[in-house]
Amino acid sequence: YTLIERGHVRVDLLLNGRSPRWTAFLDMINYAVLLLWTGALAYEGWFYFNDAWRFGERDDSALGHVLWPVKLALFVGVVLMALQGLAELMRAAARLWRPEEERPS
């Protein structure tokens, strides 16, 4: 949600007084790093889910809850974050090529 609403803390030292293209370029780098991070996390998250599913992993409580739904939610959440990061990367690329068309706030 914070990514969609552009509510993350930004380094104003690098952005204030700069051109829209510079800001778009830095955004592209930022979202590319986000995609690398979410890719690695999704890769590992899939194996956590798959192992929990195949081996019927349960927690250590008296009720013995199955753990695969929680691990699946981790994987799905990371994939959704990666998709949002990809959308933001494409928006930044569009702003890089056409900086006069600012995104409405």
PDB file of N, CA and C in Angstrom:
ATOM      1  N   TYR A   1       0.826  -1.185   0.000  1.00  0.00           N
ATOM      2  CA  TYR A   1       0.000   0.000   0.000  1.00  0.00           C
ATOM      3  C   TYR A   1       0.870   1.248   0.000  1.00  0.00           C
ATOM      4  N   THR A   2       1.910   1.234   0.809  1.00  0.00           N
ATOM      5  CA  THR A   2       2.801   2.390   0.882  1.00  0.00           C
ATOM      6  C   THR A   2       3.521   2.599  -0.450  1.00  0.00           C
ATOM      7  N   LEU A   3       3.843   1.507  -1.133  1.00  0.00           N
ATOM      8  CA  LEU A   3       4.488   1.610  -2.435  1.00  0.00           C
ATOM      9  C   LEU A   3       3.547   2.244  -3.456  1.00  0.00           C
ATOM     10  N   ILE A   4       2.297   1.853  -3.447  1.00  0.00           N
ATOM     11  CA  ILE A   4       1.316   2.413  -4.379  1.00  0.00           C
ATOM     12  C   ILE A   4       1.092   3.898  -4.103  1.00  0.00           C
ATOM     13  N   GLU A   5       1.006   4.259  -2.848  1.00  0.00           N
ATOM     14  CA  GLU A   5       0.738   5.646  -2.465  1.00  0.00           C
ATOM     15  C   GLU A   5       1.989   6.523  -2.442  1.00  0.00           C
ATOM     16  N   ARG A   6       3.137   5.934  -2.772  1.00  0.00           N
ATOM     17  CA  ARG A   6       4.420   6.645  -2.800  1.00  0.00           C
ATOM     18  C   ARG A   6       4.695   7.305  -1.454  1.00  0.00           C
ATOM     19  N   GLY A   7       4.525   6.553  -0.376  1.00  0.00           N
ATOM     20  CA  GLY A   7       4.686   7.077   0.958  1.00  0.00           C
ATOM     21  C   GLY A   7       6.009   6.737   1.618  1.00  0.00           C
ATOM     22  N   HIS A   8       6.924   6.098   0.884  1.00  0.00           N
ATOM     23  CA  HIS A   8       8.206   5.746   1.472  1.00  0.00           C
ATOM     24  C   HIS A   8       9.078   6.983   1.659  1.00  0.00           C
ATOM     25  N   VAL A   9       9.972   6.912   2.596  1.00  0.00           N
ATOM     26  CA  VAL A   9      10.912   7.997   2.851  1.00  0.00           C
ATOM     27  C   VAL A   9      11.887   8.057   1.681  1.00  0.00           C
ATOM     28  N   ARG A  10      12.102   9.251   1.161  1.00  0.00           N
ATOM     29  CA  ARG A  10      13.001   9.438   0.027  1.00  0.00           C
ATOM     30  C   ARG A  10      14.189  10.277   0.461  1.00  0.00           C
ATOM     31  N   VAL A  11      15.302  10.107  -0.191  1.00  0.00           N
ATOM     32  CA  VAL A  11      16.505  10.863   0.119  1.00  0.00           C
ATOM     33  C   VAL A  11      16.429  12.185  -0.644  1.00  0.00           C
ATOM     34  N   ASP A  12      16.002  13.229   0.054  1.00  0.00           N
ATOM     35  CA  ASP A  12      15.800  14.524  -0.592  1.00  0.00           C
ATOM     36  C   ASP A  12      17.096  15.136  -1.089  1.00  0.00           C
ATOM     37  N   LEU A  13      18.208  14.768  -0.500  1.00  0.00           N
ATOM     38  CA  LEU A  13      19.500  15.293  -0.921  1.00  0.00           C
ATOM     39  C   LEU A  13      19.769  14.973  -2.394  1.00  0.00           C
ATOM     40  N   LEU A  14      19.340  13.803  -2.837  1.00  0.00           N
ATOM     41  CA  LEU A  14      19.546  13.398  -4.221  1.00  0.00           C
ATOM     42  C   LEU A  14      18.422  13.841  -5.154  1.00  0.00           C
ATOM     43  N   LEU A  15      17.288  14.262  -4.599  1.00  0.00           N
ATOM     44  CA  LEU A  15      16.122  14.533  -5.439  1.00  0.00           C
ATOM     45  C   LEU A  15      15.725  16.000  -5.530  1.00  0.00           C
ATOM     46  N   ASN A  16      15.928  16.766  -4.468  1.00  0.00           N
ATOM     47  CA  ASN A  16      15.494  18.166  -4.489  1.00  0.00           C
ATOM     48  C   ASN A  16      16.274  18.965  -5.524  1.00  0.00           C
ATOM     49  N   GLY A  17      15.554  19.715  -6.319  1.00  0.00           N
ATOM     50  CA  GLY A  17      16.175  20.572  -7.312  1.00  0.00           C
ATOM     51  C   GLY A  17      16.677  19.835  -8.540  1.00  0.00           C
ATOM     52  N   ARG A  18      16.406  18.565  -8.639  1.00  0.00           N
ATOM     53  CA  ARG A  18      16.859  17.784  -9.795  1.00  0.00           C
ATOM     54  C   ARG A  18      15.747  17.715 -10.834  1.00  0.00           C
ATOM     55  N   SER A  19      16.124  17.325 -12.015  1.00  0.00           N
ATOM     56  CA  SER A  19      15.153  17.223 -13.103  1.00  0.00           C
ATOM     57  C   SER A  19      14.261  16.001 -12.898  1.00  0.00           C
ATOM     58  N   PRO A  20      13.080  16.016 -13.511  1.00  0.00           N
ATOM     59  CA  PRO A  20      12.205  14.836 -13.431  1.00  0.00           C
ATOM     60  C   PRO A  20      12.859  13.587 -14.017  1.00  0.00           C
ATOM     61  N   ARG A  21      13.706  13.767 -15.000  1.00  0.00           N
ATOM     62  CA  ARG A  21      14.391  12.596 -15.579  1.00  0.00           C
ATOM     63  C   ARG A  21      15.356  11.978 -14.586  1.00  0.00           C
ATOM     64  N   TRP A  22      16.062  12.787 -13.828  1.00  0.00           N
ATOM     65  CA  TRP A  22      16.984  12.273 -12.817  1.00  0.00           C
ATOM     66  C   TRP A  22      16.207  11.495 -11.759  1.00  0.00           C
ATOM     67  N   THR A  23      15.100  12.049 -11.329  1.00  0.00           N
ATOM     68  CA  THR A  23      14.262  11.364 -10.343  1.00  0.00           C
ATOM     69  C   THR A  23      13.753  10.042 -10.899  1.00  0.00           C
ATOM     70  N   ALA A  24      13.322  10.043 -12.162  1.00  0.00           N
ATOM     71  CA  ALA A  24      12.838   8.811 -12.790  1.00  0.00           C
ATOM     72  C   ALA A  24      13.956   7.788 -12.905  1.00  0.00           C
ATOM     73  N   PHE A  25      15.160   8.238 -13.223  1.00  0.00           N
ATOM     74  CA  PHE A  25      16.306   7.338 -13.322  1.00  0.00           C
ATOM     75  C   PHE A  25      16.612   6.683 -11.968  1.00  0.00           C
ATOM     76  N   LEU A  26      16.632   7.483 -10.915  1.00  0.00           N
ATOM     77  CA  LEU A  26      16.873   6.925  -9.578  1.00  0.00           C
ATOM     78  C   LEU A  26      15.748   5.984  -9.158  1.00  0.00           C
ATOM     79  N   ASP A  27      14.518   6.320  -9.528  1.00  0.00           N
ATOM     80  CA  ASP A  27      13.398   5.419  -9.242  1.00  0.00           C
ATOM     81  C   ASP A  27      13.578   4.082  -9.958  1.00  0.00           C
ATOM     82  N   MET A  28      14.041   4.137 -11.188  1.00  0.00           N
ATOM     83  CA  MET A  28      14.252   2.888 -11.932  1.00  0.00           C
ATOM     84  C   MET A  28      15.297   2.007 -11.248  1.00  0.00           C
ATOM     85  N   ILE A  29      16.368   2.621 -10.781  1.00  0.00           N
ATOM     86  CA  ILE A  29      17.390   1.848 -10.054  1.00  0.00           C
ATOM     87  C   ILE A  29      16.791   1.255  -8.785  1.00  0.00           C
ATOM     88  N   ASN A  30      16.035   2.060  -8.065  1.00  0.00           N
ATOM     89  CA  ASN A  30      15.416   1.617  -6.819  1.00  0.00           C
ATOM     90  C   ASN A  30      14.477   0.437  -7.051  1.00  0.00           C
ATOM     91  N   TYR A  31      13.630   0.531  -8.073  1.00  0.00           N
ATOM     92  CA  TYR A  31      12.672  -0.545  -8.336  1.00  0.00           C
ATOM     93  C   TYR A  31      13.363  -1.787  -8.897  1.00  0.00           C
ATOM     94  N   ALA A  32      14.468  -1.611  -9.608  1.00  0.00           N
ATOM     95  CA  ALA A  32      15.225  -2.772 -10.081  1.00  0.00           C
ATOM     96  C   ALA A  32      15.810  -3.541  -8.900  1.00  0.00           C
ATOM     97  N   VAL A  33      16.321  -2.831  -7.918  1.00  0.00           N
ATOM     98  CA  VAL A  33      16.837  -3.486  -6.714  1.00  0.00           C
ATOM     99  C   VAL A  33      15.696  -4.175  -5.962  1.00  0.00           C
ATOM    100  N   LEU A  34      14.544  -3.520  -5.903  1.00  0.00           N
ATOM    101  CA  LEU A  34      13.377  -4.140  -5.270  1.00  0.00           C
ATOM    102  C   LEU A  34      13.011  -5.440  -5.970  1.00  0.00           C
ATOM    103  N   LEU A  35      13.060  -5.457  -7.299  1.00  0.00           N
ATOM    104  CA  LEU A  35      12.725  -6.675  -8.034  1.00  0.00           C
ATOM    105  C   LEU A  35      13.742  -7.791  -7.767  1.00  0.00           C
ATOM    106  N   LEU A  36      15.005  -7.442  -7.650  1.00  0.00           N
ATOM    107  CA  LEU A  36      16.007  -8.455  -7.298  1.00  0.00           C
ATOM    108  C   LEU A  36      15.732  -9.045  -5.918  1.00  0.00           C
ATOM    109  N   TRP A  37      15.431  -8.162  -4.965  1.00  0.00           N
ATOM    110  CA  TRP A  37      15.165  -8.612  -3.598  1.00  0.00           C
ATOM    111  C   TRP A  37      13.908  -9.482  -3.534  1.00  0.00           C
ATOM    112  N   THR A  38      12.832  -9.039  -4.177  1.00  0.00           N
ATOM    113  CA  THR A  38      11.605  -9.830  -4.143  1.00  0.00           C
ATOM    114  C   THR A  38      11.760 -11.130  -4.918  1.00  0.00           C
ATOM    115  N   GLY A  39      12.579 -11.127  -5.968  1.00  0.00           N
ATOM    116  CA  GLY A  39      12.832 -12.369  -6.701  1.00  0.00           C
ATOM    117  C   GLY A  39      13.522 -13.396  -5.826  1.00  0.00           C
ATOM    118  N   ALA A  40      14.547 -12.954  -5.091  1.00  0.00           N
ATOM    119  CA  ALA A  40      15.252 -13.873  -4.186  1.00  0.00           C
ATOM    120  C   ALA A  40      14.330 -14.350  -3.067  1.00  0.00           C
ATOM    121  N   LEU A  41      13.530 -13.447  -2.518  1.00  0.00           N
ATOM    122  CA  LEU A  41      12.625 -13.820  -1.436  1.00  0.00           C
ATOM    123  C   LEU A  41      11.526 -14.762  -1.927  1.00  0.00           C
ATOM    124  N   ALA A  42      11.006 -14.524  -3.121  1.00  0.00           N
ATOM    125  CA  ALA A  42       9.979 -15.415  -3.677  1.00  0.00           C
ATOM    126  C   ALA A  42      10.557 -16.794  -3.965  1.00  0.00           C
ATOM    127  N   TYR A  43      11.779 -16.832  -4.461  1.00  0.00           N
ATOM    128  CA  TYR A  43      12.446 -18.101  -4.745  1.00  0.00           C
ATOM    129  C   TYR A  43      12.554 -18.944  -3.481  1.00  0.00           C
ATOM    130  N   GLU A  44      13.043 -18.342  -2.417  1.00  0.00           N
ATOM    131  CA  GLU A  44      13.163 -19.068  -1.151  1.00  0.00           C
ATOM    132  C   GLU A  44      11.797 -19.352  -0.535  1.00  0.00           C
ATOM    133  N   GLY A  45      10.887 -18.401  -0.659  1.00  0.00           N
ATOM    134  CA  GLY A  45       9.546 -18.590  -0.105  1.00  0.00           C
ATOM    135  C   GLY A  45       8.815 -19.762  -0.734  1.00  0.00           C
ATOM    136  N   TRP A  46       9.032 -19.960  -2.034  1.00  0.00           N
ATOM    137  CA  TRP A  46       8.404 -21.095  -2.706  1.00  0.00           C
ATOM    138  C   TRP A  46       8.902 -22.416  -2.118  1.00  0.00           C
ATOM    139  N   PHE A  47      10.198 -22.508  -1.853  1.00  0.00           N
ATOM    140  CA  PHE A  47      10.729 -23.741  -1.280  1.00  0.00           C
ATOM    141  C   PHE A  47      10.246 -23.956   0.151  1.00  0.00           C
ATOM    142  N   TYR A  48      10.108 -22.885   0.927  1.00  0.00           N
ATOM    143  CA  TYR A  48       9.540 -23.012   2.274  1.00  0.00           C
ATOM    144  C   TYR A  48       8.115 -23.556   2.200  1.00  0.00           C
ATOM    145  N   PHE A  49       7.314 -22.993   1.301  1.00  0.00           N
ATOM    146  CA  PHE A  49       5.942 -23.471   1.130  1.00  0.00           C
ATOM    147  C   PHE A  49       5.919 -24.916   0.650  1.00  0.00           C
ATOM    148  N   ASN A  50       6.717 -25.210  -0.356  1.00  0.00           N
ATOM    149  CA  ASN A  50       6.715 -26.547  -0.945  1.00  0.00           C
ATOM    150  C   ASN A  50       7.115 -27.615   0.077  1.00  0.00           C
ATOM    151  N   ASP A  51       8.123 -27.339   0.866  1.00  0.00           N
ATOM    152  CA  ASP A  51       8.529 -28.291   1.901  1.00  0.00           C
ATOM    153  C   ASP A  51       7.437 -28.473   2.956  1.00  0.00           C
ATOM    154  N   ALA A  52       6.823 -27.371   3.374  1.00  0.00           N
ATOM    155  CA  ALA A  52       5.746 -27.467   4.376  1.00  0.00           C
ATOM    156  C   ALA A  52       4.569 -28.264   3.827  1.00  0.00           C
ATOM    157  N   TRP A  53       4.263 -28.094   2.559  1.00  0.00           N
ATOM    158  CA  TRP A  53       3.150 -28.806   1.924  1.00  0.00           C
ATOM    159  C   TRP A  53       3.476 -30.298   1.791  1.00  0.00           C
ATOM    160  N   ARG A  54       4.634 -30.617   1.261  1.00  0.00           N
ATOM    161  CA  ARG A  54       4.996 -32.014   0.999  1.00  0.00           C
ATOM    162  C   ARG A  54       5.156 -32.827   2.274  1.00  0.00           C
ATOM    163  N   PHE A  55       5.736 -32.231   3.300  1.00  0.00           N
ATOM    164  CA  PHE A  55       6.021 -32.984   4.527  1.00  0.00           C
ATOM    165  C   PHE A  55       4.961 -32.797   5.607  1.00  0.00           C
ATOM    166  N   GLY A  56       3.905 -32.036   5.309  1.00  0.00           N
ATOM    167  CA  GLY A  56       2.849 -31.840   6.291  1.00  0.00           C
ATOM    168  C   GLY A  56       3.348 -31.158   7.549  1.00  0.00           C
ATOM    169  N   GLU A  57       4.178 -30.150   7.371  1.00  0.00           N
ATOM    170  CA  GLU A  57       4.796 -29.462   8.508  1.00  0.00           C
ATOM    171  C   GLU A  57       3.732 -28.835   9.416  1.00  0.00           C
ATOM    172  N   ARG A  58       3.930 -29.005  10.717  1.00  0.00           N
ATOM    173  CA  ARG A  58       3.020 -28.457  11.724  1.00  0.00           C
ATOM    174  C   ARG A  58       3.820 -27.720  12.779  1.00  0.00           C
ATOM    175  N   ASP A  59       3.160 -26.774  13.466  1.00  0.00           N
ATOM    176  CA  ASP A  59       3.872 -26.054  14.528  1.00  0.00           C
ATOM    177  C   ASP A  59       3.952 -26.915  15.785  1.00  0.00           C
ATOM    178  N   ASP A  60       4.661 -26.410  16.785  1.00  0.00           N
ATOM    179  CA  ASP A  60       4.913 -27.195  17.988  1.00  0.00           C
ATOM    180  C   ASP A  60       3.865 -27.004  19.079  1.00  0.00           C
ATOM    181  N   SER A  61       2.784 -26.307  18.776  1.00  0.00           N
ATOM    182  CA  SER A  61       1.760 -26.089  19.802  1.00  0.00           C
ATOM    183  C   SER A  61       0.941 -27.366  20.015  1.00  0.00           C
ATOM    184  N   ALA A  62       0.103 -27.325  21.009  1.00  0.00           N
ATOM    185  CA  ALA A  62      -0.732 -28.491  21.320  1.00  0.00           C
ATOM    186  C   ALA A  62      -1.716 -28.792  20.190  1.00  0.00           C
ATOM    187  N   LEU A  63      -2.125 -27.760  19.462  1.00  0.00           N
ATOM    188  CA  LEU A  63      -3.079 -27.956  18.368  1.00  0.00           C
ATOM    189  C   LEU A  63      -2.408 -28.446  17.086  1.00  0.00           C
ATOM    190  N   GLY A  64      -1.147 -28.183  16.925  1.00  0.00           N
ATOM    191  CA  GLY A  64      -0.416 -28.656  15.755  1.00  0.00           C
ATOM    192  C   GLY A  64      -0.928 -28.081  14.446  1.00  0.00           C
ATOM    193  N   HIS A  65      -1.015 -26.768  14.362  1.00  0.00           N
ATOM    194  CA  HIS A  65      -1.511 -26.124  13.143  1.00  0.00           C
ATOM    195  C   HIS A  65      -0.611 -26.436  11.955  1.00  0.00           C
ATOM    196  N   VAL A  66      -1.230 -26.616  10.801  1.00  0.00           N
ATOM    197  CA  VAL A  66      -0.427 -26.800   9.589  1.00  0.00           C
ATOM    198  C   VAL A  66       0.202 -25.459   9.220  1.00  0.00           C
ATOM    199  N   LEU A  67       1.400 -25.494   8.678  1.00  0.00           N
ATOM    200  CA  LEU A  67       2.137 -24.261   8.405  1.00  0.00           C
ATOM    201  C   LEU A  67       2.120 -23.839   6.944  1.00  0.00           C
ATOM    202  N   TRP A  68       1.648 -24.715   6.042  1.00  0.00           N
ATOM    203  CA  TRP A  68       1.721 -24.338   4.641  1.00  0.00           C
ATOM    204  C   TRP A  68       0.884 -23.114   4.283  1.00  0.00           C
ATOM    205  N   PRO A  69      -0.278 -22.845   4.909  1.00  0.00           N
ATOM    206  CA  PRO A  69      -1.014 -21.628   4.515  1.00  0.00           C
ATOM    207  C   PRO A  69      -0.242 -20.341   4.827  1.00  0.00           C
ATOM    208  N   VAL A  70       0.462 -20.328   5.940  1.00  0.00           N
ATOM    209  CA  VAL A  70       1.243 -19.147   6.309  1.00  0.00           C
ATOM    210  C   VAL A  70       2.401 -18.956   5.332  1.00  0.00           C
ATOM    211  N   LYS A  71       3.048 -20.038   4.979  1.00  0.00           N
ATOM    212  CA  LYS A  71       4.176 -19.952   4.060  1.00  0.00           C
ATOM    213  C   LYS A  71       3.716 -19.643   2.640  1.00  0.00           C
ATOM    214  N   LEU A  72       2.536 -20.094   2.288  1.00  0.00           N
ATOM    215  CA  LEU A  72       1.972 -19.714   0.991  1.00  0.00           C
ATOM    216  C   LEU A  72       1.639 -18.230   0.971  1.00  0.00           C
ATOM    217  N   ALA A  73       1.124 -17.710   2.067  1.00  0.00           N
ATOM    218  CA  ALA A  73       0.815 -16.274   2.145  1.00  0.00           C
ATOM    219  C   ALA A  73       2.088 -15.437   2.016  1.00  0.00           C
ATOM    220  N   LEU A  74       3.183 -15.897   2.580  1.00  0.00           N
ATOM    221  CA  LEU A  74       4.469 -15.211   2.417  1.00  0.00           C
ATOM    222  C   LEU A  74       4.846 -15.148   0.945  1.00  0.00           C
ATOM    223  N   PHE A  75       4.755 -16.266   0.267  1.00  0.00           N
ATOM    224  CA  PHE A  75       5.108 -16.326  -1.151  1.00  0.00           C
ATOM    225  C   PHE A  75       4.196 -15.425  -1.984  1.00  0.00           C
ATOM    226  N   VAL A  76       2.905 -15.517  -1.778  1.00  0.00           N
ATOM    227  CA  VAL A  76       1.957 -14.712  -2.559  1.00  0.00           C
ATOM    228  C   VAL A  76       2.172 -13.223  -2.296  1.00  0.00           C
ATOM    229  N   GLY A  77       2.390 -12.843  -1.057  1.00  0.00           N
ATOM    230  CA  GLY A  77       2.627 -11.444  -0.723  1.00  0.00           C
ATOM    231  C   GLY A  77       3.861 -10.890  -1.403  1.00  0.00           C
ATOM    232  N   VAL A  78       4.918 -11.678  -1.439  1.00  0.00           N
ATOM    233  CA  VAL A  78       6.150 -11.230  -2.085  1.00  0.00           C
ATOM    234  C   VAL A  78       5.954 -11.121  -3.598  1.00  0.00           C
ATOM    235  N   VAL A  79       5.233 -12.063  -4.184  1.00  0.00           N
ATOM    236  CA  VAL A  79       4.964 -11.996  -5.625  1.00  0.00           C
ATOM    237  C   VAL A  79       4.131 -10.752  -5.948  1.00  0.00           C
ATOM    238  N   LEU A  80       3.150 -10.447  -5.117  1.00  0.00           N
ATOM    239  CA  LEU A  80       2.347  -9.245  -5.345  1.00  0.00           C
ATOM    240  C   LEU A  80       3.192  -7.974  -5.211  1.00  0.00           C
ATOM    241  N   MET A  81       4.105  -7.964  -4.254  1.00  0.00           N
ATOM    242  CA  MET A  81       4.992  -6.814  -4.111  1.00  0.00           C
ATOM    243  C   MET A  81       5.898  -6.684  -5.336  1.00  0.00           C
ATOM    244  N   ALA A  82       6.357  -7.808  -5.869  1.00  0.00           N
ATOM    245  CA  ALA A  82       7.187  -7.777  -7.075  1.00  0.00           C
ATOM    246  C   ALA A  82       6.400  -7.247  -8.263  1.00  0.00           C
ATOM    247  N   LEU A  83       5.151  -7.637  -8.379  1.00  0.00           N
ATOM    248  CA  LEU A  83       4.318  -7.123  -9.470  1.00  0.00           C
ATOM    249  C   LEU A  83       4.121  -5.619  -9.355  1.00  0.00           C
ATOM    250  N   GLN A  84       3.907  -5.133  -8.140  1.00  0.00           N
ATOM    251  CA  GLN A  84       3.769  -3.691  -7.945  1.00  0.00           C
ATOM    252  C   GLN A  84       5.079  -2.983  -8.255  1.00  0.00           C
ATOM    253  N   GLY A  85       6.195  -3.583  -7.866  1.00  0.00           N
ATOM    254  CA  GLY A  85       7.499  -3.012  -8.188  1.00  0.00           C
ATOM    255  C   GLY A  85       7.737  -2.952  -9.690  1.00  0.00           C
ATOM    256  N   LEU A  86       7.294  -3.986 -10.407  1.00  0.00           N
ATOM    257  CA  LEU A  86       7.415  -3.997 -11.862  1.00  0.00           C
ATOM    258  C   LEU A  86       6.565  -2.889 -12.487  1.00  0.00           C
ATOM    259  N   ALA A  87       5.356  -2.709 -11.977  1.00  0.00           N
ATOM    260  CA  ALA A  87       4.500  -1.632 -12.475  1.00  0.00           C
ATOM    261  C   ALA A  87       5.138  -0.267 -12.216  1.00  0.00           C
ATOM    262  N   GLU A  88       5.717  -0.082 -11.043  1.00  0.00           N
ATOM    263  CA  GLU A  88       6.369   1.184 -10.724  1.00  0.00           C
ATOM    264  C   GLU A  88       7.623   1.385 -11.576  1.00  0.00           C
ATOM    265  N   LEU A  89       8.331   0.311 -11.877  1.00  0.00           N
ATOM    266  CA  LEU A  89       9.501   0.408 -12.754  1.00  0.00           C
ATOM    267  C   LEU A  89       9.077   0.869 -14.143  1.00  0.00           C
ATOM    268  N   MET A  90       7.980   0.343 -14.648  1.00  0.00           N
ATOM    269  CA  MET A  90       7.490   0.767 -15.964  1.00  0.00           C
ATOM    270  C   MET A  90       7.025   2.221 -15.939  1.00  0.00           C
ATOM    271  N   ARG A  91       6.395   2.644 -14.846  1.00  0.00           N
ATOM    272  CA  ARG A  91       5.992   4.053 -14.726  1.00  0.00           C
ATOM    273  C   ARG A  91       7.210   4.971 -14.699  1.00  0.00           C
ATOM    274  N   ALA A  92       8.248   4.544 -13.981  1.00  0.00           N
ATOM    275  CA  ALA A  92       9.474   5.345 -13.929  1.00  0.00           C
ATOM    276  C   ALA A  92      10.125   5.418 -15.301  1.00  0.00           C
ATOM    277  N   ALA A  93      10.106   4.314 -16.047  1.00  0.00           N
ATOM    278  CA  ALA A  93      10.664   4.324 -17.404  1.00  0.00           C
ATOM    279  C   ALA A  93       9.871   5.267 -18.300  1.00  0.00           C
ATOM    280  N   ALA A  94       8.561   5.273 -18.154  1.00  0.00           N
ATOM    281  CA  ALA A  94       7.729   6.191 -18.937  1.00  0.00           C
ATOM    282  C   ALA A  94       8.039   7.640 -18.561  1.00  0.00           C
ATOM    283  N   ARG A  95       8.264   7.918 -17.278  1.00  0.00           N
ATOM    284  CA  ARG A  95       8.623   9.280 -16.855  1.00  0.00           C
ATOM    285  C   ARG A  95      10.011   9.666 -17.344  1.00  0.00           C
ATOM    286  N   LEU A  96      10.883   8.683 -17.499  1.00  0.00           N
ATOM    287  CA  LEU A  96      12.226   8.964 -18.003  1.00  0.00           C
ATOM    288  C   LEU A  96      12.160   9.416 -19.463  1.00  0.00           C
ATOM    289  N   TRP A  97      11.310   8.749 -20.228  1.00  0.00           N
ATOM    290  CA  TRP A  97      11.211   9.094 -21.652  1.00  0.00           C
ATOM    291  C   TRP A  97      10.311  10.286 -21.899  1.00  0.00           C
ATOM    292  N   ARG A  98       9.322  10.499 -21.045  1.00  0.00           N
ATOM    293  CA  ARG A  98       8.408  11.636 -21.187  1.00  0.00           C
ATOM    294  C   ARG A  98       8.216  12.313 -19.838  1.00  0.00           C
ATOM    295  N   PRO A  99       9.183  13.111 -19.414  1.00  0.00           N
ATOM    296  CA  PRO A  99       9.107  13.706 -18.077  1.00  0.00           C
ATOM    297  C   PRO A  99       8.021  14.768 -17.945  1.00  0.00           C
ATOM    298  N   GLU A 100       7.526  15.289 -19.052  1.00  0.00           N
ATOM    299  CA  GLU A 100       6.486  16.319 -18.963  1.00  0.00           C
ATOM    300  C   GLU A 100       5.134  15.776 -18.520  1.00  0.00           C
ATOM    301  N   GLU A 101       4.943  14.468 -18.657  1.00  0.00           N
ATOM    302  CA  GLU A 101       3.686  13.837 -18.238  1.00  0.00           C
ATOM    303  C   GLU A 101       3.839  13.322 -16.821  1.00  0.00           C
ATOM    304  N   GLU A 102       3.642  14.183 -15.853  1.00  0.00           N
ATOM    305  CA  GLU A 102       3.793  13.809 -14.443  1.00  0.00           C
ATOM    306  C   GLU A 102       2.631  12.940 -14.002  1.00  0.00           C
ATOM    307  N   ARG A 103       2.925  12.044 -13.070  1.00  0.00           N
ATOM    308  CA  ARG A 103       1.909  11.178 -12.474  1.00  0.00           C
ATOM    309  C   ARG A 103       1.049  11.992 -11.543  1.00  0.00           C
ATOM    310  N   PRO A 104      -0.277  11.894 -11.652  1.00  0.00           N
ATOM    311  CA  PRO A 104      -1.145  12.626 -10.709  1.00  0.00           C
ATOM    312  C   PRO A 104      -0.988  12.118  -9.304  1.00  0.00           C
ATOM    313  N   SER A 105      -0.987  13.023  -8.330  1.00  0.00           N
ATOM    314  CA  SER A 105      -0.821  12.632  -6.926  1.00  0.00           C
ATOM    315  C   SER A 105      -2.140  12.315  -6.293  1.00  0.00           C
TER     316      SER A 105
END
